[in-house]
Amino acid sequence: MNRWDSEGPFKPLHVMNPTRLAFIRSTLCRHFSKDPNSDRPFEGFKIVDVGCGGGILSEPLARMGATVTGVDAVEKNIKIACIHAVWSFSDDLDPVTSTIEYCCTTAEKLVEEV
């Protein structure tokens, strides 16, 4: 199984992730008149997670229905995110998070490509 170490050096991110997800969910749902109680309130949304690291935020956003692109300038972070996103905790291919597109680039380079 491939799991993040929620007690490791990125523990603060794991601890605050539920709070930041709740904020993002309530803010976007309010702004776009979506039902915050829906399982997939971000259906139809395209979200770019700049500085995505290992995908700690990208994966739940995808589970909430968004089409997610995760961007990070550190290749190691992108590799970790890709591996984690593809395999669910039962060692089966995860059909939701495996659709996340991860890119090793900077926000500036991403804007230039658009």
C-alpha atoms as a PDB file:
ATOM      1  CA  MET A   1       0.000   0.000   0.000  1.00  0.00           C
ATOM      2  CA  ASN A   2       1.080   3.508  -0.698  1.00  0.00           C
ATOM      3  CA  ARG A   3       0.244   5.984   2.055  1.00  0.00           C
ATOM      4  CA  TRP A   4       1.433   9.409   3.024  1.00  0.00           C
ATOM      5  CA  ASP A   5       3.174   9.628   6.391  1.00  0.00           C
ATOM      6  CA  SER A   6       0.729  11.846   8.285  1.00  0.00           C
ATOM      7  CA  GLU A   7       3.079  11.818  11.288  1.00  0.00           C
ATOM      8  CA  GLY A   8       6.174  12.754   9.248  1.00  0.00           C
ATOM      9  CA  PRO A   9       7.682  16.109   8.315  1.00  0.00           C
ATOM     10  CA  PHE A  10       4.496  17.213   6.562  1.00  0.00           C
ATOM     11  CA  LYS A  11       2.276  16.540   9.578  1.00  0.00           C
ATOM     12  CA  PRO A  12       1.205  20.230   9.773  1.00  0.00           C
ATOM     13  CA  LEU A  13      -0.211  20.003   6.233  1.00  0.00           C
ATOM     14  CA  HIS A  14      -2.112  16.831   7.076  1.00  0.00           C
ATOM     15  CA  VAL A  15      -3.477  18.433  10.241  1.00  0.00           C
ATOM     16  CA  MET A  16      -4.684  21.593   8.513  1.00  0.00           C
ATOM     17  CA  ASN A  17      -5.946  19.912   5.333  1.00  0.00           C
ATOM     18  CA  PRO A  18      -9.494  19.252   6.629  1.00  0.00           C
ATOM     19  CA  THR A  19      -9.821  22.923   7.602  1.00  0.00           C
ATOM     20  CA  ARG A  20      -8.551  24.237   4.296  1.00  0.00           C
ATOM     21  CA  LEU A  21     -10.792  21.782   2.399  1.00  0.00           C
ATOM     22  CA  ALA A  22     -13.821  22.930   4.380  1.00  0.00           C
ATOM     23  CA  PHE A  23     -12.956  26.558   3.591  1.00  0.00           C
ATOM     24  CA  ILE A  24     -12.436  25.873  -0.120  1.00  0.00           C
ATOM     25  CA  ARG A  25     -15.628  23.816  -0.306  1.00  0.00           C
ATOM     26  CA  SER A  26     -17.822  26.383   1.443  1.00  0.00           C
ATOM     27  CA  THR A  27     -16.338  29.337  -0.446  1.00  0.00           C
ATOM     28  CA  LEU A  28     -16.615  27.781  -3.910  1.00  0.00           C
ATOM     29  CA  CYS A  29     -20.073  26.363  -3.246  1.00  0.00           C
ATOM     30  CA  ARG A  30     -21.318  29.736  -2.028  1.00  0.00           C
ATOM     31  CA  HIS A  31     -19.755  31.587  -4.973  1.00  0.00           C
ATOM     32  CA  PHE A  32     -20.977  29.159  -7.642  1.00  0.00           C
ATOM     33  CA  SER A  33     -24.327  28.314  -5.969  1.00  0.00           C
ATOM     34  CA  LYS A  34     -23.442  24.647  -5.496  1.00  0.00           C
ATOM     35  CA  ASP A  35     -24.803  22.365  -2.775  1.00  0.00           C
ATOM     36  CA  PRO A  36     -22.051  22.099  -0.127  1.00  0.00           C
ATOM     37  CA  ASN A  37     -23.606  18.853   1.130  1.00  0.00           C
ATOM     38  CA  SER A  38     -23.263  17.140  -2.240  1.00  0.00           C
ATOM     39  CA  ASP A  39     -20.706  14.335  -2.511  1.00  0.00           C
ATOM     40  CA  ARG A  40     -19.269  15.937  -5.665  1.00  0.00           C
ATOM     41  CA  PRO A  41     -19.953  19.682  -5.439  1.00  0.00           C
ATOM     42  CA  PHE A  42     -17.031  20.515  -7.763  1.00  0.00           C
ATOM     43  CA  GLU A  43     -18.366  18.503 -10.717  1.00  0.00           C
ATOM     44  CA  GLY A  44     -17.503  20.481 -13.855  1.00  0.00           C
ATOM     45  CA  PHE A  45     -14.816  22.583 -12.133  1.00  0.00           C
ATOM     46  CA  LYS A  46     -11.239  22.732 -13.379  1.00  0.00           C
ATOM     47  CA  ILE A  47      -8.814  23.450 -10.544  1.00  0.00           C
ATOM     48  CA  VAL A  48      -5.063  24.057 -10.700  1.00  0.00           C
ATOM     49  CA  ASP A  49      -3.268  23.268  -7.437  1.00  0.00           C
ATOM     50  CA  VAL A  50      -0.043  25.301  -7.666  1.00  0.00           C
ATOM     51  CA  GLY A  51       2.626  24.039  -5.290  1.00  0.00           C
ATOM     52  CA  CYS A  52       0.743  20.752  -4.974  1.00  0.00           C
ATOM     53  CA  GLY A  53       3.603  18.873  -3.309  1.00  0.00           C
ATOM     54  CA  GLY A  54       2.588  15.250  -2.929  1.00  0.00           C
ATOM     55  CA  GLY A  55      -1.057  15.910  -3.822  1.00  0.00           C
ATOM     56  CA  ILE A  56      -2.463  16.257  -0.298  1.00  0.00           C
ATOM     57  CA  LEU A  57      -4.994  18.848  -1.500  1.00  0.00           C
ATOM     58  CA  SER A  58      -5.316  17.710  -5.126  1.00  0.00           C
ATOM     59  CA  GLU A  59      -6.726  14.266  -4.306  1.00  0.00           C
ATOM     60  CA  PRO A  60      -9.683  15.391  -2.163  1.00  0.00           C
ATOM     61  CA  LEU A  61     -10.533  18.087  -4.720  1.00  0.00           C
ATOM     62  CA  ALA A  62     -10.697  15.380  -7.393  1.00  0.00           C
ATOM     63  CA  ARG A  63     -12.874  13.233  -5.125  1.00  0.00           C
ATOM     64  CA  MET A  64     -15.234  16.214  -4.844  1.00  0.00           C
ATOM     65  CA  GLY A  65     -15.655  16.098  -8.633  1.00  0.00           C
ATOM     66  CA  ALA A  66     -13.093  18.615  -9.906  1.00  0.00           C
ATOM     67  CA  THR A  67     -10.805  18.030 -12.838  1.00  0.00           C
ATOM     68  CA  VAL A  68      -7.474  18.728 -11.143  1.00  0.00           C
ATOM     69  CA  THR A  69      -4.070  19.702 -12.428  1.00  0.00           C
ATOM     70  CA  GLY A  70      -1.357  19.615  -9.777  1.00  0.00           C
ATOM     71  CA  VAL A  71       1.733  21.727 -10.418  1.00  0.00           C
ATOM     72  CA  ASP A  72       4.981  21.687  -8.470  1.00  0.00           C
ATOM     73  CA  ALA A  73       8.504  22.789  -9.364  1.00  0.00           C
ATOM     74  CA  VAL A  74      10.068  19.857  -7.496  1.00  0.00           C
ATOM     75  CA  GLU A  75      10.218  16.660  -9.543  1.00  0.00           C
ATOM     76  CA  LYS A  76      10.356  14.427  -6.442  1.00  0.00           C
ATOM     77  CA  ASN A  77       7.058  15.894  -5.205  1.00  0.00           C
ATOM     78  CA  ILE A  78       5.376  15.221  -8.552  1.00  0.00           C
ATOM     79  CA  LYS A  79       6.619  11.621  -8.567  1.00  0.00           C
ATOM     80  CA  ILE A  80       5.223  11.064  -5.063  1.00  0.00           C
ATOM     81  CA  ALA A  81       1.897  12.650  -6.031  1.00  0.00           C
ATOM     82  CA  CYS A  82       1.630  10.524  -9.185  1.00  0.00           C
ATOM     83  CA  ILE A  83       2.319   7.273  -7.361  1.00  0.00           C
ATOM     84  CA  HIS A  84      -0.053   8.097  -4.510  1.00  0.00           C
ATOM     85  CA  ALA A  85      -2.862   9.254  -6.807  1.00  0.00           C
ATOM     86  CA  VAL A  86      -2.835   6.190  -9.012  1.00  0.00           C
ATOM     87  CA  TRP A  87      -3.128   3.548  -6.313  1.00  0.00           C
ATOM     88  CA  SER A  88      -5.891   3.507  -3.753  1.00  0.00           C
ATOM     89  CA  PHE A  89      -5.379   2.142  -0.265  1.00  0.00           C
ATOM     90  CA  SER A  90      -6.529  -1.312  -1.367  1.00  0.00           C
ATOM     91  CA  ASP A  91      -3.689  -1.483  -3.939  1.00  0.00           C
ATOM     92  CA  ASP A  92      -6.227  -1.158  -6.765  1.00  0.00           C
ATOM     93  CA  LEU A  93      -6.175   1.556  -9.401  1.00  0.00           C
ATOM     94  CA  ASP A  94      -8.089   4.567  -8.072  1.00  0.00           C
ATOM     95  CA  PRO A  95     -10.443   5.667 -10.880  1.00  0.00           C
ATOM     96  CA  VAL A  96     -10.924   9.169  -9.453  1.00  0.00           C
ATOM     97  CA  THR A  97      -7.503  10.327  -8.329  1.00  0.00           C
ATOM     98  CA  SER A  98      -5.682   8.572 -11.166  1.00  0.00           C
ATOM     99  CA  THR A  99      -7.196  11.203 -13.489  1.00  0.00           C
ATOM    100  CA  ILE A 100      -5.289  14.045 -11.798  1.00  0.00           C
ATOM    101  CA  GLU A 101      -2.754  15.558 -14.176  1.00  0.00           C
ATOM    102  CA  TYR A 102       0.498  16.309 -12.374  1.00  0.00           C
ATOM    103  CA  CYS A 103       3.088  18.579 -14.003  1.00  0.00           C
ATOM    104  CA  CYS A 104       6.606  19.392 -12.884  1.00  0.00           C
ATOM    105  CA  THR A 105       6.736  23.076 -13.725  1.00  0.00           C
ATOM    106  CA  THR A 106       6.352  26.500 -12.195  1.00  0.00           C
ATOM    107  CA  ALA A 107       3.243  28.669 -12.231  1.00  0.00           C
ATOM    108  CA  GLU A 108       5.078  31.140 -14.458  1.00  0.00           C
ATOM    109  CA  LYS A 109       5.930  28.493 -17.051  1.00  0.00           C
ATOM    110  CA  LEU A 110       2.388  27.124 -16.911  1.00  0.00           C
ATOM    111  CA  VAL A 111       0.992  30.580 -17.717  1.00  0.00           C
ATOM    112  CA  GLU A 112       3.413  30.941 -20.634  1.00  0.00           C
ATOM    113  CA  GLU A 113       2.126  27.653 -22.093  1.00  0.00           C
ATOM    114  CA  VAL A 114      -1.506  28.784 -22.085  1.00  0.00           C
END
